[in-house]
Amino acid sequence: MRHGFEEYVRARGDALRRFAYLLCGDRELGEDLVQEVLIKAYRRWSRIEADDPGAYLRTALVRSHVSWLRRRSSGERPGRTGDDLAVEVAPDRPAPDFADRHAVRDDLWARLDRLTRAQRAVLVLRYYEDLDDRQIAEVLRCAASTVRVHAARGLARLRTELTPSPSSLSGGTR
């Protein structure tokens, strides 16, 4: 049992930490989340390993993350420290400097933080884990139609916030 668990964590540990980072928006919280889930998984690894360990651990990470957020009573928000988000560059523009990249990354994290936990989890599972609606529904224990609603609302909110208003395009008020 122990050998199979250690092999799995060695092979997939980085991917689990990246997934948890996307769920939490914070590297250290993501590492804590993975550690908590792996401790629980170790105790029943022989049963988990026989099924689909990746699906089991993804589901456990999402559910633990949601329960962490429910338990959290303080309004403290950890600082952002990752350089994991890249900035797309238009061909006719120079590459952004360090400050620009961090400003865009921080802006994106702030926008993701304003989504509901379910919307954020659905978008991470869909676009990072590349799961379909049925698989996401299994992880979240809801209907596939609920997954589509969360995805549509989350994406709509992000689009609304990212789309410049007509007044900002024309230079403001006259």
Protein backbone atom coordinates (compact mmCIF):
# COMPACT_ATOMS: atom_id res chain seq x y z
CA MET A 1 0.00 0.00 0.00
CA ARG A 2 2.61 2.52 1.08
CA HIS A 3 4.73 1.96 -2.05
CA GLY A 4 1.82 2.60 -4.45
CA PHE A 5 0.78 5.73 -2.56
CA GLU A 6 4.30 7.19 -2.57
CA GLU A 7 4.68 6.44 -6.29
CA TYR A 8 1.40 8.14 -7.09
CA VAL A 9 2.22 11.24 -5.04
CA ARG A 10 5.68 11.44 -6.59
CA ALA A 11 4.21 11.20 -10.10
CA ARG A 12 1.09 13.37 -9.64
CA GLY A 13 1.90 15.59 -6.64
CA ASP A 14 2.79 18.67 -8.71
CA ALA A 15 -0.41 18.38 -10.74
CA LEU A 16 -2.46 18.07 -7.54
CA ARG A 17 -0.77 21.18 -6.10
CA ARG A 18 -1.41 23.16 -9.31
CA PHE A 19 -5.06 22.13 -9.27
CA ALA A 20 -5.41 23.11 -5.59
CA TYR A 21 -3.67 26.43 -6.32
CA LEU A 22 -6.24 27.21 -8.98
CA LEU A 23 -9.06 26.32 -6.61
CA CYS A 24 -7.69 28.40 -3.72
CA GLY A 25 -5.94 31.20 -5.56
CA ASP A 26 -3.04 30.87 -3.13
CA ARG A 27 -0.03 28.59 -3.31
CA GLU A 28 0.36 27.93 0.41
CA LEU A 29 -3.35 27.27 0.96
CA GLY A 30 -3.28 24.95 -2.04
CA GLU A 31 -0.37 23.01 -0.56
CA ASP A 32 -2.18 22.76 2.78
CA LEU A 33 -5.30 21.54 1.01
CA VAL A 34 -3.37 18.84 -0.88
CA GLN A 35 -1.62 17.75 2.30
CA GLU A 36 -4.91 17.42 4.19
CA VAL A 37 -6.51 15.41 1.39
CA LEU A 38 -3.48 13.13 0.96
CA ILE A 39 -3.38 12.38 4.68
CA LYS A 40 -6.99 11.22 4.53
CA ALA A 41 -6.40 9.31 1.28
CA TYR A 42 -3.37 7.47 2.67
CA ARG A 43 -5.55 5.70 5.23
CA ARG A 44 -7.73 4.12 2.54
CA TRP A 45 -5.30 4.05 -0.38
CA SER A 46 -5.82 0.36 -1.21
CA ARG A 47 -9.51 1.05 -1.98
CA ILE A 48 -8.79 4.34 -3.78
CA GLU A 49 -6.00 2.87 -5.89
CA ALA A 50 -8.31 0.09 -7.09
CA ASP A 51 -10.73 2.66 -8.53
CA ASP A 52 -9.63 5.96 -10.11
CA PRO A 53 -7.26 7.79 -7.75
CA GLY A 54 -7.19 10.94 -9.92
CA ALA A 55 -10.96 11.37 -9.87
CA TYR A 56 -11.14 10.55 -6.17
CA LEU A 57 -8.46 13.08 -5.22
CA ARG A 58 -9.90 15.81 -7.49
CA THR A 59 -13.28 15.34 -5.86
CA ALA A 60 -11.76 15.33 -2.38
CA LEU A 61 -9.82 18.54 -3.13
CA VAL A 62 -12.91 20.37 -4.38
CA ARG A 63 -15.06 19.24 -1.45
CA SER A 64 -12.37 20.01 1.13
CA HIS A 65 -11.85 23.43 -0.41
CA VAL A 66 -15.55 24.23 -0.18
CA SER A 67 -15.69 23.05 3.45
CA TRP A 68 -12.57 25.12 4.28
CA LEU A 69 -14.28 28.20 2.94
CA ARG A 70 -17.34 27.49 5.04
CA ARG A 71 -15.23 27.09 8.21
CA ARG A 72 -13.14 30.16 7.58
CA SER A 73 -14.39 32.95 9.81
CA SER A 74 -11.81 35.62 9.25
CA GLY A 75 -11.90 38.08 6.40
CA GLU A 76 -8.18 37.71 5.88
CA ARG A 77 -7.15 37.17 2.27
CA PRO A 78 -3.63 35.86 1.67
CA GLY A 79 -1.40 37.74 -0.73
CA ARG A 80 -0.89 36.46 -4.25
CA THR A 81 2.56 35.08 -4.91
CA GLY A 82 2.47 32.90 -8.04
CA ASP A 83 3.81 33.64 -11.49
CA ASP A 84 1.59 30.96 -13.01
CA LEU A 85 -0.58 33.18 -15.16
CA ALA A 86 0.84 34.42 -18.44
CA VAL A 87 -0.13 37.60 -20.24
CA GLU A 88 -1.08 37.34 -23.88
CA VAL A 89 0.71 39.85 -26.10
CA ALA A 90 -0.74 41.36 -29.25
CA PRO A 91 1.66 41.02 -32.20
CA ASP A 92 1.94 44.80 -32.68
CA ARG A 93 2.67 45.52 -28.99
CA PRO A 94 5.87 45.05 -27.03
CA ALA A 95 5.96 42.29 -24.43
CA PRO A 96 4.66 43.47 -21.06
CA ASP A 97 7.18 44.13 -18.34
CA PHE A 98 7.23 42.50 -14.92
CA ALA A 99 4.85 45.04 -13.37
CA ASP A 100 2.34 44.72 -16.22
CA ARG A 101 2.30 40.93 -15.96
CA HIS A 102 1.70 41.10 -12.22
CA ALA A 103 -1.01 43.73 -12.59
CA VAL A 104 -2.89 41.57 -15.11
CA ARG A 105 -2.45 38.45 -12.98
CA ASP A 106 -3.65 40.21 -9.83
CA ASP A 107 -6.62 41.64 -11.73
CA LEU A 108 -7.58 38.17 -12.97
CA TRP A 109 -7.28 36.65 -9.48
CA ALA A 110 -9.45 39.44 -8.09
CA ARG A 111 -12.10 38.73 -10.71
CA LEU A 112 -11.99 34.99 -10.02
CA ASP A 113 -12.31 35.69 -6.29
CA ARG A 114 -15.61 37.50 -6.96
CA LEU A 115 -17.15 34.36 -8.48
CA THR A 116 -19.06 31.99 -6.25
CA ARG A 117 -17.17 28.93 -5.00
CA ALA A 118 -19.24 26.71 -7.29
CA GLN A 119 -18.62 28.90 -10.36
CA ARG A 120 -14.90 28.98 -9.71
CA ALA A 121 -14.74 25.22 -9.09
CA VAL A 122 -16.66 24.52 -12.31
CA LEU A 123 -14.37 26.78 -14.37
CA VAL A 124 -11.21 25.24 -12.87
CA LEU A 125 -12.51 21.70 -13.45
CA ARG A 126 -13.58 22.55 -16.99
CA TYR A 127 -10.64 24.61 -18.23
CA TYR A 128 -7.77 23.30 -16.12
CA GLU A 129 -8.73 19.67 -15.58
CA ASP A 130 -10.52 19.46 -18.95
CA LEU A 131 -13.49 17.58 -17.50
CA ASP A 132 -16.84 17.45 -19.23
CA ASP A 133 -20.10 18.51 -17.58
CA ARG A 134 -20.98 14.98 -16.49
CA GLN A 135 -17.62 14.47 -14.79
CA ILE A 136 -17.81 17.88 -13.09
CA ALA A 137 -21.33 17.04 -11.89
CA GLU A 138 -19.98 13.86 -10.31
CA VAL A 139 -17.24 15.79 -8.51
CA LEU A 140 -19.65 18.45 -7.24
CA ARG A 141 -22.54 16.02 -6.65
CA CYS A 142 -25.01 17.99 -8.72
CA ALA A 143 -26.77 17.73 -12.08
CA ALA A 144 -24.92 18.40 -15.34
CA SER A 145 -27.44 21.17 -16.02
CA THR A 146 -26.37 22.84 -12.76
CA VAL A 147 -22.75 22.66 -13.92
CA ARG A 148 -23.70 24.39 -17.17
CA VAL A 149 -25.55 27.12 -15.24
CA HIS A 150 -22.55 27.75 -12.97
CA ALA A 151 -20.21 27.85 -15.98
CA ALA A 152 -22.45 30.19 -17.96
CA ARG A 153 -22.95 32.56 -15.04
CA GLY A 154 -19.27 32.57 -14.10
CA LEU A 155 -18.14 33.21 -17.67
CA ALA A 156 -20.81 35.87 -18.15
CA ARG A 157 -19.64 37.66 -15.04
CA LEU A 158 -16.01 37.54 -16.17
CA ARG A 159 -16.96 38.76 -19.66
CA THR A 160 -19.05 41.61 -18.25
CA GLU A 161 -16.18 42.74 -16.07
CA LEU A 162 -13.62 42.43 -18.87
CA THR A 163 -15.68 44.14 -21.58
CA PRO A 164 -15.03 47.88 -21.68
CA SER A 165 -18.12 50.04 -21.41
CA PRO A 166 -19.01 52.33 -24.33
CA SER A 167 -18.19 55.40 -22.22
CA SER A 168 -14.66 54.15 -21.50
CA LEU A 169 -14.10 53.51 -25.22
CA SER A 170 -15.15 57.03 -26.18
CA GLY A 171 -12.95 58.64 -23.56
CA GLY A 172 -15.48 59.12 -20.78
CA THR A 173 -18.30 61.64 -20.42
CA ARG A 174 -18.60 64.82 -22.45
